[in-house]
N, C-alpha and C. Protein backbone atom coordinates (compact mmCIF):
# COMPACT_ATOMS: atom_id res chain seq x y z
N UNK A 1 -6.22 -48.69 -12.08
CA UNK A 1 -5.53 -48.23 -13.50
C UNK A 1 -4.51 -49.29 -13.71
N UNK A 2 -3.63 -49.36 -12.73
CA UNK A 2 -2.36 -49.87 -12.80
C UNK A 2 -2.98 -51.60 -12.72
N UNK A 3 -3.66 -51.80 -11.84
CA UNK A 3 -4.01 -53.16 -11.54
C UNK A 3 -4.46 -53.94 -12.84
N UNK A 4 -5.39 -53.10 -13.62
CA UNK A 4 -6.00 -53.46 -14.72
C UNK A 4 -4.94 -53.90 -15.85
N UNK A 5 -3.82 -52.78 -15.98
CA UNK A 5 -2.73 -53.05 -16.66
C UNK A 5 -2.10 -54.28 -16.46
N UNK A 6 -1.73 -54.60 -15.63
CA UNK A 6 -0.97 -55.76 -14.93
C UNK A 6 -1.75 -57.00 -15.27
N UNK A 7 -3.05 -56.88 -15.16
CA UNK A 7 -3.91 -57.97 -15.49
C UNK A 7 -3.75 -58.36 -16.94
N UNK A 8 -3.98 -57.37 -17.63
CA UNK A 8 -3.90 -57.44 -19.13
C UNK A 8 -2.78 -58.18 -19.55
N UNK A 9 -1.38 -57.61 -19.13
CA UNK A 9 -0.22 -58.40 -19.25
C UNK A 9 -0.26 -59.66 -18.96
N UNK A 10 -0.95 -60.14 -18.15
CA UNK A 10 -0.67 -61.53 -17.35
C UNK A 10 -1.73 -62.40 -18.30
N UNK A 11 -2.79 -61.72 -18.78
CA UNK A 11 -3.68 -62.56 -19.63
C UNK A 11 -2.83 -62.65 -20.90
N UNK A 12 -2.17 -61.61 -21.39
CA UNK A 12 -1.33 -61.93 -22.58
C UNK A 12 -0.50 -63.15 -22.45
N UNK A 13 0.29 -63.14 -21.41
CA UNK A 13 1.40 -64.33 -21.10
C UNK A 13 0.56 -65.47 -21.23
N UNK A 14 -0.76 -65.81 -20.78
CA UNK A 14 -1.27 -67.08 -20.82
C UNK A 14 -1.71 -67.21 -22.31
N UNK A 15 -2.14 -66.36 -22.88
CA UNK A 15 -2.61 -66.70 -24.41
C UNK A 15 -1.21 -67.01 -25.09
N UNK A 16 -0.12 -66.62 -24.97
CA UNK A 16 1.15 -66.80 -25.55
C UNK A 16 1.46 -68.40 -25.31
N UNK A 17 1.40 -68.61 -23.82
CA UNK A 17 1.77 -69.95 -23.58
C UNK A 17 0.22 -70.95 -24.36
N UNK A 18 -0.70 -70.75 -24.19
CA UNK A 18 -1.55 -71.56 -24.98
C UNK A 18 -1.42 -71.94 -26.23
N UNK A 19 -0.87 -70.62 -26.97
CA UNK A 19 -0.58 -70.73 -28.45
C UNK A 19 0.52 -71.74 -28.57
N UNK A 20 1.57 -71.59 -27.87
CA UNK A 20 2.84 -72.46 -28.01
C UNK A 20 2.30 -73.90 -27.53
N UNK A 21 1.29 -74.30 -26.54
CA UNK A 21 0.97 -75.60 -26.33
C UNK A 21 0.32 -76.08 -27.62
N UNK A 22 -0.74 -75.30 -28.37
CA UNK A 22 -1.74 -75.89 -29.10
C UNK A 22 -0.91 -75.94 -30.49
N UNK A 23 0.19 -75.24 -30.82
CA UNK A 23 1.32 -75.56 -31.85
C UNK A 23 1.86 -77.19 -31.90
N UNK A 24 2.11 -77.17 -30.62
CA UNK A 24 2.72 -78.55 -30.41
C UNK A 24 1.96 -79.60 -30.57
N UNK A 25 0.53 -79.33 -30.05
CA UNK A 25 -0.29 -80.33 -29.94
C UNK A 25 -1.10 -80.58 -31.23
N UNK A 26 -0.86 -81.33 -32.22
CA UNK A 26 -1.33 -81.46 -33.55
C UNK A 26 -2.23 -82.78 -33.77
N UNK A 27 -2.84 -82.73 -35.03
CA UNK A 27 -3.79 -83.81 -35.36
C UNK A 27 -3.25 -85.10 -35.26
N UNK A 28 -1.93 -85.31 -35.54
CA UNK A 28 -1.36 -86.79 -35.58
C UNK A 28 -1.20 -87.14 -34.36
N UNK A 29 -1.13 -86.20 -33.20
CA UNK A 29 -0.95 -86.79 -31.82
C UNK A 29 -2.07 -87.21 -31.47
N UNK A 30 -3.27 -86.29 -31.80
CA UNK A 30 -4.62 -86.38 -31.15
C UNK A 30 -5.51 -87.44 -31.85
N UNK A 31 -5.08 -87.61 -33.12
CA UNK A 31 -5.96 -88.84 -33.71
C UNK A 31 -7.33 -88.34 -33.84
N UNK A 32 -7.77 -88.33 -35.11
CA UNK A 32 -9.20 -88.29 -35.39
C UNK A 32 -9.63 -87.11 -36.07
N UNK A 33 -10.76 -86.94 -36.83
CA UNK A 33 -11.27 -85.73 -37.44
C UNK A 33 -11.86 -84.85 -36.76
N UNK A 34 -12.48 -85.23 -35.65
CA UNK A 34 -13.27 -84.55 -34.79
C UNK A 34 -12.19 -83.58 -34.21
N UNK A 35 -11.16 -84.56 -33.60
CA UNK A 35 -10.20 -83.19 -32.76
C UNK A 35 -9.65 -82.36 -33.71
N UNK A 36 -9.42 -82.70 -35.24
CA UNK A 36 -8.84 -81.55 -35.89
C UNK A 36 -9.81 -80.41 -36.28
N UNK A 37 -11.05 -80.69 -36.02
CA UNK A 37 -12.05 -79.46 -36.43
C UNK A 37 -12.12 -78.88 -35.01
N UNK A 38 -11.85 -79.43 -34.08
CA UNK A 38 -11.91 -78.64 -32.62
C UNK A 38 -10.64 -77.77 -32.52
N UNK A 39 -9.59 -78.87 -33.20
CA UNK A 39 -8.24 -77.81 -33.13
C UNK A 39 -8.25 -76.76 -33.91
N UNK A 40 -8.82 -76.77 -35.11
CA UNK A 40 -8.91 -75.57 -36.08
C UNK A 40 -9.86 -74.61 -35.30
N UNK A 41 -10.90 -74.84 -34.92
CA UNK A 41 -11.64 -73.85 -34.03
C UNK A 41 -10.86 -73.36 -32.98
N UNK A 42 -10.20 -74.27 -32.21
CA UNK A 42 -9.59 -73.76 -31.27
C UNK A 42 -7.93 -72.93 -31.72
N UNK A 43 -7.73 -73.23 -32.58
CA UNK A 43 -6.62 -72.19 -33.43
C UNK A 43 -7.06 -70.97 -33.64
N UNK A 44 -8.28 -71.01 -34.45
CA UNK A 44 -8.99 -69.67 -34.85
C UNK A 44 -9.38 -68.86 -33.36
N UNK A 45 -9.56 -69.52 -32.53
CA UNK A 45 -10.25 -68.67 -31.51
C UNK A 45 -8.79 -68.19 -30.74
N UNK A 46 -7.51 -69.22 -30.83
CA UNK A 46 -6.09 -68.81 -30.33
C UNK A 46 -5.82 -67.56 -30.94
N UNK A 47 -5.93 -67.61 -32.38
CA UNK A 47 -5.53 -66.37 -33.16
C UNK A 47 -6.35 -64.86 -32.91
N UNK A 48 -7.66 -65.34 -32.68
CA UNK A 48 -8.55 -64.17 -32.09
C UNK A 48 -8.10 -63.74 -30.93
N UNK A 49 -7.64 -64.59 -29.94
CA UNK A 49 -7.10 -64.24 -28.45
C UNK A 49 -5.91 -63.49 -28.70
N UNK A 50 -4.89 -63.98 -29.54
CA UNK A 50 -3.82 -63.14 -29.73
C UNK A 50 -3.87 -62.00 -30.51
N UNK A 51 -4.78 -61.95 -31.02
CA UNK A 51 -5.03 -60.38 -31.77
C UNK A 51 -5.76 -59.52 -30.82
N UNK A 52 -6.56 -60.15 -30.07
CA UNK A 52 -6.95 -59.19 -28.84
C UNK A 52 -6.13 -59.04 -27.96
N UNK A 53 -5.21 -60.04 -27.75
CA UNK A 53 -3.92 -59.71 -26.75
C UNK A 53 -3.24 -58.40 -27.40
N UNK A 54 -2.69 -58.79 -28.71
CA UNK A 54 -2.11 -57.69 -29.18
C UNK A 54 -2.78 -56.25 -28.89
N UNK A 55 -4.18 -56.18 -29.36
CA UNK A 55 -4.87 -55.00 -29.07
C UNK A 55 -4.75 -54.69 -27.65
N UNK A 56 -5.03 -55.24 -26.76
CA UNK A 56 -4.84 -55.05 -25.31
C UNK A 56 -3.47 -54.57 -25.03
N UNK A 57 -2.58 -55.29 -25.55
CA UNK A 57 -1.31 -55.17 -25.08
C UNK A 57 -0.89 -53.51 -25.83
N UNK A 58 -1.52 -53.13 -26.91
CA UNK A 58 -1.24 -51.90 -27.60
C UNK A 58 -1.80 -50.83 -26.71
N UNK A 59 -3.23 -51.20 -26.40
CA UNK A 59 -3.85 -50.46 -25.29
C UNK A 59 -3.35 -50.14 -24.30
N UNK A 60 -2.57 -51.16 -23.50
CA UNK A 60 -2.23 -50.83 -22.16
C UNK A 60 -1.01 -50.08 -22.49
N UNK A 61 -0.24 -50.32 -23.46
CA UNK A 61 1.10 -49.38 -23.88
C UNK A 61 0.62 -48.05 -23.95
N UNK A 62 -0.61 -47.78 -24.86
CA UNK A 62 -0.74 -46.41 -25.09
C UNK A 62 -1.47 -45.84 -23.60
N UNK A 63 -2.19 -46.75 -23.03
CA UNK A 63 -2.60 -46.04 -21.66
C UNK A 63 -1.43 -46.01 -20.58
N UNK A 64 -0.38 -46.63 -20.99
CA UNK A 64 0.91 -46.29 -20.00
C UNK A 64 1.39 -45.12 -20.26
N UNK A 65 1.45 -44.95 -21.74
CA UNK A 65 2.16 -43.41 -22.17
C UNK A 65 1.19 -42.40 -21.88
N UNK A 66 0.12 -42.67 -21.83
CA UNK A 66 -1.00 -41.32 -21.34
C UNK A 66 -0.93 -41.42 -19.77
N UNK A 67 -0.99 -42.51 -19.35
CA UNK A 67 -0.67 -42.41 -17.89
C UNK A 67 0.72 -41.44 -17.42
N UNK A 68 1.87 -41.70 -17.80
CA UNK A 68 3.10 -41.36 -17.85
C UNK A 68 3.09 -39.53 -18.03
N UNK A 69 2.15 -39.39 -19.24
CA UNK A 69 1.86 -37.99 -19.75
C UNK A 69 1.20 -37.29 -18.52
N UNK A 70 0.03 -37.94 -18.34
CA UNK A 70 -0.93 -37.41 -17.11
C UNK A 70 0.16 -37.09 -15.81
N UNK A 71 0.67 -38.24 -15.51
CA UNK A 71 1.31 -37.75 -14.30
C UNK A 71 2.46 -36.46 -14.32
N UNK A 72 3.00 -36.77 -15.52
CA UNK A 72 3.94 -35.38 -15.89
C UNK A 72 3.24 -34.05 -15.93
N UNK A 73 2.05 -34.22 -16.52
CA UNK A 73 1.23 -32.90 -16.59
C UNK A 73 0.78 -32.38 -15.01
N UNK A 74 0.42 -33.62 -14.39
CA UNK A 74 -0.10 -33.55 -12.97
C UNK A 74 0.84 -32.98 -11.98
N UNK A 75 2.44 -33.22 -12.31
CA UNK A 75 3.33 -32.64 -11.65
C UNK A 75 3.71 -31.34 -11.90
N UNK A 76 3.77 -31.03 -13.15
CA UNK A 76 3.47 -29.65 -13.93
C UNK A 76 2.56 -28.76 -13.15
N UNK A 77 1.46 -29.26 -12.99
CA UNK A 77 0.10 -28.37 -12.52
C UNK A 77 0.66 -27.98 -10.96
N UNK A 78 0.69 -29.20 -10.30
CA UNK A 78 0.96 -29.30 -8.98
C UNK A 78 2.31 -28.20 -8.73
N UNK A 79 3.57 -28.07 -9.62
CA UNK A 79 4.44 -27.19 -9.24
C UNK A 79 4.00 -25.61 -9.48
N UNK A 80 3.11 -25.69 -10.33
CA UNK A 80 2.27 -24.16 -10.73
C UNK A 80 1.44 -23.95 -9.44
N UNK A 81 0.79 -24.69 -8.94
CA UNK A 81 -0.27 -24.43 -7.95
C UNK A 81 0.97 -24.04 -6.66
N UNK A 82 1.71 -24.83 -6.48
CA UNK A 82 2.99 -24.30 -5.55
C UNK A 82 3.27 -23.01 -5.67
N UNK A 83 3.74 -22.87 -6.86
CA UNK A 83 4.38 -21.47 -7.16
C UNK A 83 3.30 -20.34 -6.98
N UNK A 84 2.03 -20.50 -7.38
CA UNK A 84 0.95 -19.74 -7.10
C UNK A 84 0.91 -19.54 -5.79
N UNK A 85 0.83 -20.71 -5.02
CA UNK A 85 0.39 -20.43 -3.38
C UNK A 85 1.41 -19.84 -2.99
N UNK A 86 2.92 -19.94 -3.60
CA UNK A 86 3.89 -19.10 -2.65
C UNK A 86 3.58 -17.43 -3.16
N UNK A 87 3.29 -17.48 -4.38
CA UNK A 87 3.22 -15.92 -4.78
C UNK A 87 2.29 -15.18 -4.05
N UNK A 88 0.81 -16.16 -3.80
CA UNK A 88 -0.11 -15.56 -3.01
C UNK A 88 0.31 -15.27 -1.53
N UNK A 89 1.07 -16.24 -1.23
CA UNK A 89 1.41 -15.79 0.23
C UNK A 89 2.44 -14.33 0.74
N UNK A 90 3.25 -14.43 -0.71
CA UNK A 90 4.08 -13.37 -0.64
C UNK A 90 3.20 -12.10 -0.92
N UNK A 91 2.11 -12.11 -1.91
CA UNK A 91 1.34 -10.99 -1.82
C UNK A 91 0.27 -10.53 -0.95
N UNK A 92 0.37 -11.54 0.05
CA UNK A 92 -0.53 -11.33 1.00
C UNK A 92 0.31 -10.66 2.18
N UNK A 93 1.51 -11.06 2.12
CA UNK A 93 2.26 -10.47 3.04
C UNK A 93 2.50 -8.88 2.82
N UNK A 94 2.94 -8.77 1.63
CA UNK A 94 3.00 -7.35 0.96
C UNK A 94 1.81 -6.68 1.52
N UNK A 95 0.47 -7.47 1.13
CA UNK A 95 -0.69 -6.71 1.45
C UNK A 95 -0.66 -6.21 2.86
N UNK A 96 -0.28 -7.29 3.73
CA UNK A 96 -0.37 -6.85 5.31
C UNK A 96 0.52 -5.86 5.64
N UNK A 97 1.73 -5.79 5.10
CA UNK A 97 2.62 -4.89 5.24
C UNK A 97 2.12 -3.56 5.00
N UNK A 98 1.31 -3.43 3.54
CA UNK A 98 0.77 -2.19 3.10
C UNK A 98 -0.28 -1.71 3.85
N UNK A 99 -0.87 -2.57 4.36
CA UNK A 99 -2.13 -2.30 5.37
C UNK A 99 -1.59 -1.68 6.54
N UNK A 100 -0.68 -2.30 7.05
CA UNK A 100 -0.08 -1.67 8.39
C UNK A 100 0.71 -0.30 7.96
N UNK A 101 1.18 -0.08 7.03
CA UNK A 101 1.89 1.18 6.72
C UNK A 101 0.74 2.22 6.36
N UNK A 102 -0.37 1.81 5.91
CA UNK A 102 -1.55 2.75 5.57
C UNK A 102 -2.13 2.89 6.96
N UNK A 103 -2.45 2.11 7.79
CA UNK A 103 -2.60 2.26 9.07
C UNK A 103 -1.86 3.12 9.89
N UNK A 104 -0.62 2.97 9.59
CA UNK A 104 0.14 3.90 10.32
C UNK A 104 0.22 5.40 9.86
N UNK A 105 0.14 5.40 8.39
CA UNK A 105 0.03 6.65 8.05
C UNK A 105 -1.38 7.43 8.37
N UNK A 106 -2.55 6.58 8.38
CA UNK A 106 -3.68 7.19 8.81
C UNK A 106 -3.47 7.65 10.22
N UNK A 107 -2.94 6.94 10.99
CA UNK A 107 -2.72 7.30 12.47
C UNK A 107 -2.02 8.75 12.66
N UNK A 108 -0.95 8.64 11.75
CA UNK A 108 -0.10 9.97 11.77
C UNK A 108 -1.04 10.96 11.23
N UNK A 109 -1.65 10.93 10.48
CA UNK A 109 -2.47 11.77 9.61
C UNK A 109 -3.66 12.50 10.81
N UNK A 110 -4.23 11.58 11.34
CA UNK A 110 -5.04 11.83 12.35
C UNK A 110 -4.33 12.75 13.41
N UNK A 111 -3.14 12.17 14.23
CA UNK A 111 -2.54 13.00 14.96
C UNK A 111 -2.10 14.27 14.46
N UNK A 112 -1.52 14.43 13.19
CA UNK A 112 -1.24 15.83 12.73
C UNK A 112 -2.37 16.76 12.47
N UNK A 113 -3.69 15.88 12.20
CA UNK A 113 -4.91 16.77 12.00
C UNK A 113 -5.09 17.41 13.37
N UNK A 114 -5.11 16.54 14.39
CA UNK A 114 -5.29 17.14 15.70
C UNK A 114 -4.49 17.89 16.13
N UNK A 115 -3.16 17.90 16.00
CA UNK A 115 -2.25 18.95 16.28
C UNK A 115 -2.41 20.30 15.50
N UNK A 116 -2.86 20.16 14.14
CA UNK A 116 -2.90 21.47 13.12
C UNK A 116 -4.20 22.06 14.13
N UNK A 117 -5.32 21.38 14.39
CA UNK A 117 -6.44 21.93 14.56
C UNK A 117 -6.14 22.93 16.51
N UNK A 118 -5.23 22.03 16.90
CA UNK A 118 -4.60 22.74 18.02
C UNK A 118 -4.03 23.94 17.73
N UNK A 119 -2.76 23.89 16.98
CA UNK A 119 -1.91 24.97 16.45
C UNK A 119 -3.18 26.12 15.74
N UNK A 120 -3.89 25.83 15.01
CA UNK A 120 -5.05 26.83 14.47
C UNK A 120 -5.71 27.50 15.73
N UNK A 121 -6.23 26.89 16.73
CA UNK A 121 -6.63 27.29 17.72
C UNK A 121 -5.83 28.42 18.61
N UNK A 122 -4.68 27.83 18.66
CA UNK A 122 -3.35 28.48 19.71
C UNK A 122 -3.16 29.99 18.56
N UNK A 123 -3.07 29.53 17.32
CA UNK A 123 -3.05 30.81 16.39
C UNK A 123 -3.90 32.15 16.46
N UNK A 124 -5.25 31.41 16.59
CA UNK A 124 -6.12 32.15 16.59
C UNK A 124 -6.38 33.14 18.04
N UNK A 125 -5.83 32.56 18.79
CA UNK A 125 -5.65 33.19 20.35
C UNK A 125 -4.76 34.30 20.11
N UNK A 126 -3.31 33.73 19.35
CA UNK A 126 -2.24 34.54 19.51
C UNK A 126 -2.75 35.82 18.51
N UNK A 127 -3.62 35.62 17.47
CA UNK A 127 -3.75 36.69 16.51
C UNK A 127 -4.68 37.65 17.30
N UNK A 128 -5.94 37.04 18.23
CA UNK A 128 -6.60 37.89 18.98
C UNK A 128 -5.67 38.92 20.08
N UNK A 129 -4.77 38.15 20.69
CA UNK A 129 -4.04 38.93 21.63
C UNK A 129 -3.03 39.74 21.01
N UNK A 130 -2.73 39.66 19.88
CA UNK A 130 -2.10 40.73 19.00
C UNK A 130 -2.59 41.79 18.87
N UNK A 131 -3.93 41.41 18.23
CA UNK A 131 -4.78 42.54 17.78
C UNK A 131 -5.14 43.45 19.03
N UNK A 132 -5.30 42.76 20.33
CA UNK A 132 -5.75 43.52 21.72
C UNK A 132 -4.43 44.37 21.76
N UNK A 133 -3.39 43.72 21.44
CA UNK A 133 -2.21 44.52 22.01
C UNK A 133 -1.49 45.70 20.98
N UNK A 134 -2.32 45.60 19.74
CA UNK A 134 -2.16 46.80 19.01
C UNK A 134 -3.17 47.70 19.36
N UNK A 135 -4.47 47.40 19.65
CA UNK A 135 -5.43 48.24 19.89
C UNK A 135 -4.86 49.28 21.22
N UNK A 136 -4.10 48.49 22.35
CA UNK A 136 -3.68 48.92 23.59
C UNK A 136 -2.46 49.96 23.23
N UNK A 137 -1.69 49.59 22.43
CA UNK A 137 -0.70 50.42 22.06
C UNK A 137 -1.13 51.72 21.13
N UNK A 138 -2.27 51.54 20.56
CA UNK A 138 -2.38 52.81 19.63
C UNK A 138 -3.29 53.67 20.79
N UNK A 139 -4.00 53.06 21.86
CA UNK A 139 -4.61 53.85 22.78
C UNK A 139 -3.52 54.69 23.50
N UNK A 140 -2.44 53.73 23.99
CA UNK A 140 -1.43 54.45 24.82
C UNK A 140 -0.43 55.65 23.84
N UNK A 141 -0.57 55.28 22.64
CA UNK A 141 0.22 56.16 21.84
C UNK A 141 -0.85 57.56 21.66
N UNK A 142 -2.11 57.33 21.60
CA UNK A 142 -2.78 58.55 21.57
C UNK A 142 -2.50 59.27 22.91
N UNK A 143 -2.99 58.59 23.96
CA UNK A 143 -2.98 59.17 25.24
C UNK A 143 -1.62 59.83 25.60
N UNK A 144 -0.24 59.14 24.92
CA UNK A 144 1.08 59.94 25.03
C UNK A 144 1.19 61.02 24.21
N UNK A 145 0.40 60.95 23.21
CA UNK A 145 0.67 62.01 21.94
C UNK A 145 -0.39 63.43 22.66
N UNK A 146 -1.49 62.96 23.02
CA UNK A 146 -2.22 64.13 23.95
C UNK A 146 -1.77 64.75 25.08
N UNK A 147 -0.83 63.85 25.92
CA UNK A 147 -0.23 64.34 27.18
C UNK A 147 0.94 65.11 26.56
N UNK A 148 1.49 64.99 25.59
CA UNK A 148 2.70 65.59 24.89
C UNK A 148 2.15 66.81 24.36
N UNK A 149 0.95 67.10 23.94
CA UNK A 149 0.50 68.02 23.25
C UNK A 149 -0.21 69.21 24.40
N UNK A 150 -0.78 68.51 25.28
CA UNK A 150 -0.94 69.21 26.58
C UNK A 150 0.21 69.86 27.19
N UNK A 151 1.22 69.20 27.28
CA UNK A 151 2.57 69.62 27.54
C UNK A 151 3.01 70.83 27.04
N UNK A 152 2.99 70.50 25.62
CA UNK A 152 3.40 71.53 24.71
C UNK A 152 2.54 72.90 24.82
N UNK A 153 1.48 72.75 25.13
CA UNK A 153 0.44 73.85 25.24
C UNK A 153 0.71 74.44 26.52
N UNK A 154 0.99 73.83 27.57
CA UNK A 154 1.41 74.58 28.89
C UNK A 154 2.60 75.31 28.82
N UNK A 155 3.68 74.35 28.10
CA UNK A 155 4.93 74.95 27.91
C UNK A 155 4.93 76.41 26.89
N UNK A 156 3.97 76.20 25.84
CA UNK A 156 3.94 77.41 25.03
C UNK A 156 3.43 78.36 25.84
N UNK A 157 2.24 78.37 26.58
CA UNK A 157 1.76 79.26 27.43
C UNK A 157 2.64 79.68 28.67
N UNK A 158 3.35 79.14 29.00
CA UNK A 158 4.62 79.21 30.18
C UNK A 158 5.41 80.14 29.25
N UNK A 159 5.67 79.86 27.90
CA UNK A 159 6.90 80.66 27.47
C UNK A 159 6.23 81.88 26.79
N UNK A 160 4.92 81.77 26.43
CA UNK A 160 4.19 83.17 25.99
C UNK A 160 3.89 84.13 27.22
N UNK A 161 3.66 83.62 28.47
CA UNK A 161 3.68 84.46 29.61
C UNK A 161 5.08 84.93 30.07
N UNK A 162 6.35 84.11 29.93
CA UNK A 162 7.30 84.57 30.11
C UNK A 162 7.97 85.50 29.35
N UNK A 163 7.51 85.57 27.89
CA UNK A 163 7.83 86.45 27.05
C UNK A 163 7.20 87.85 27.23
N UNK A 164 5.96 87.57 27.70
CA UNK A 164 5.28 89.04 28.10
C UNK A 164 5.91 89.54 29.39
N UNK A 165 6.06 88.91 30.13
CA UNK A 165 6.80 89.30 31.57
C UNK A 165 8.05 90.08 31.14
N UNK A 166 8.94 89.28 30.24
CA UNK A 166 10.26 89.93 29.72
C UNK A 166 10.18 91.10 29.11
N UNK A 167 9.10 91.20 28.28
CA UNK A 167 8.88 92.68 27.38
C UNK A 167 8.39 93.64 28.31
N UNK A 168 7.22 93.17 29.24
CA UNK A 168 6.87 94.12 30.18
C UNK A 168 7.90 94.50 31.00
N UNK A 169 8.91 93.55 31.59
CA UNK A 169 10.17 94.02 32.34
C UNK A 169 10.86 94.78 31.56
N UNK A 170 11.04 94.45 30.32
CA UNK A 170 11.90 95.60 29.37
C UNK A 170 11.49 96.88 29.41
N UNK A 171 9.95 96.77 29.33
CA UNK A 171 9.27 98.11 29.00
C UNK A 171 9.70 98.95 30.37
N UNK A 172 9.31 98.05 31.38
CA UNK A 172 9.34 98.72 32.67
C UNK A 172 10.74 99.49 33.07
N UNK A 173 11.70 98.67 32.54
CA UNK A 173 13.37 98.87 32.78
C UNK A 173 13.68 100.46 32.07
N UNK A 174 13.14 100.17 30.88
CA UNK A 174 13.17 101.06 30.02
C UNK A 174 12.68 102.36 30.47
N UNK A 175 11.25 102.19 31.10
CA UNK A 175 10.60 103.57 31.73
C UNK A 175 11.57 103.82 33.05
N UNK A 176 11.68 102.68 33.72
CA UNK A 176 12.51 103.28 34.84
C UNK A 176 13.54 103.94 34.73
N UNK A 177 14.32 103.47 33.74
CA UNK A 177 15.68 104.37 33.26
C UNK A 177 15.37 105.51 32.78
N UNK A 178 14.31 105.64 32.18
CA UNK A 178 13.88 107.29 31.71
C UNK A 178 13.59 108.06 32.77
N UNK A 179 13.00 107.39 33.54
CA UNK A 179 12.52 108.23 34.72
C UNK A 179 13.65 108.46 35.71
N UNK A 180 14.74 107.81 35.75
CA UNK A 180 15.60 108.01 36.39
C UNK A 180 16.45 109.08 35.78
N UNK A 181 16.44 108.89 34.59
CA UNK A 181 17.25 109.90 33.84
C UNK A 181 16.82 111.30 33.97
N UNK A 182 15.39 111.46 33.89
CA UNK A 182 14.99 112.55 34.11
C UNK A 182 14.88 113.09 35.64
N UNK A 183 14.90 112.30 36.37
CA UNK A 183 15.11 112.72 37.92
C UNK A 183 16.60 113.18 37.99
N UNK A 184 17.32 112.69 37.27
CA UNK A 184 18.87 113.02 37.58
C UNK A 184 19.05 114.10 36.71
N UNK A 185 18.41 114.22 35.71
CA UNK A 185 18.90 115.50 35.17
C UNK A 185 17.48 116.21 34.77
N UNK A 186 17.35 117.15 35.79
CA UNK A 186 16.07 117.82 35.46
C UNK A 186 15.72 118.61 34.35
């Protein structure tokens, strides 16, 4: 594109030079009518070429302006692409960090879940052991209460026997005492 614009500018310079040359070269110097006709024809062609050169020059100017605008727009979009690429990299790093954190949390949850399962199993065993200990305690308490009842019954029987013996001994002493009184005092 730039080469085309440079070529157009060169062509414009050539046309300007030709115009200056033909203005200097007039009918008087060349002599004759035929040269005049040719000169007029060449002058028309020259004006047409100048007009075309002006149009081309304007087109070159417009295209140069468009080119600068497009270059500026291209730089803008390149900077945006660079910015978005940087944002994408930052987001990717953040995503990787979050994935690593998530993976770590999942691992922790798995470990805690296993630990919870082990603790539940241990708790179940402890509950069973506690229930067994309560049953054994109740059995021991019942046996102890039964032994204490039997001991109380034996003690009560012993006390009853002692009481009966004491009453009997009292009664016998009383009778002995009477008999002794009778035998002493007839």
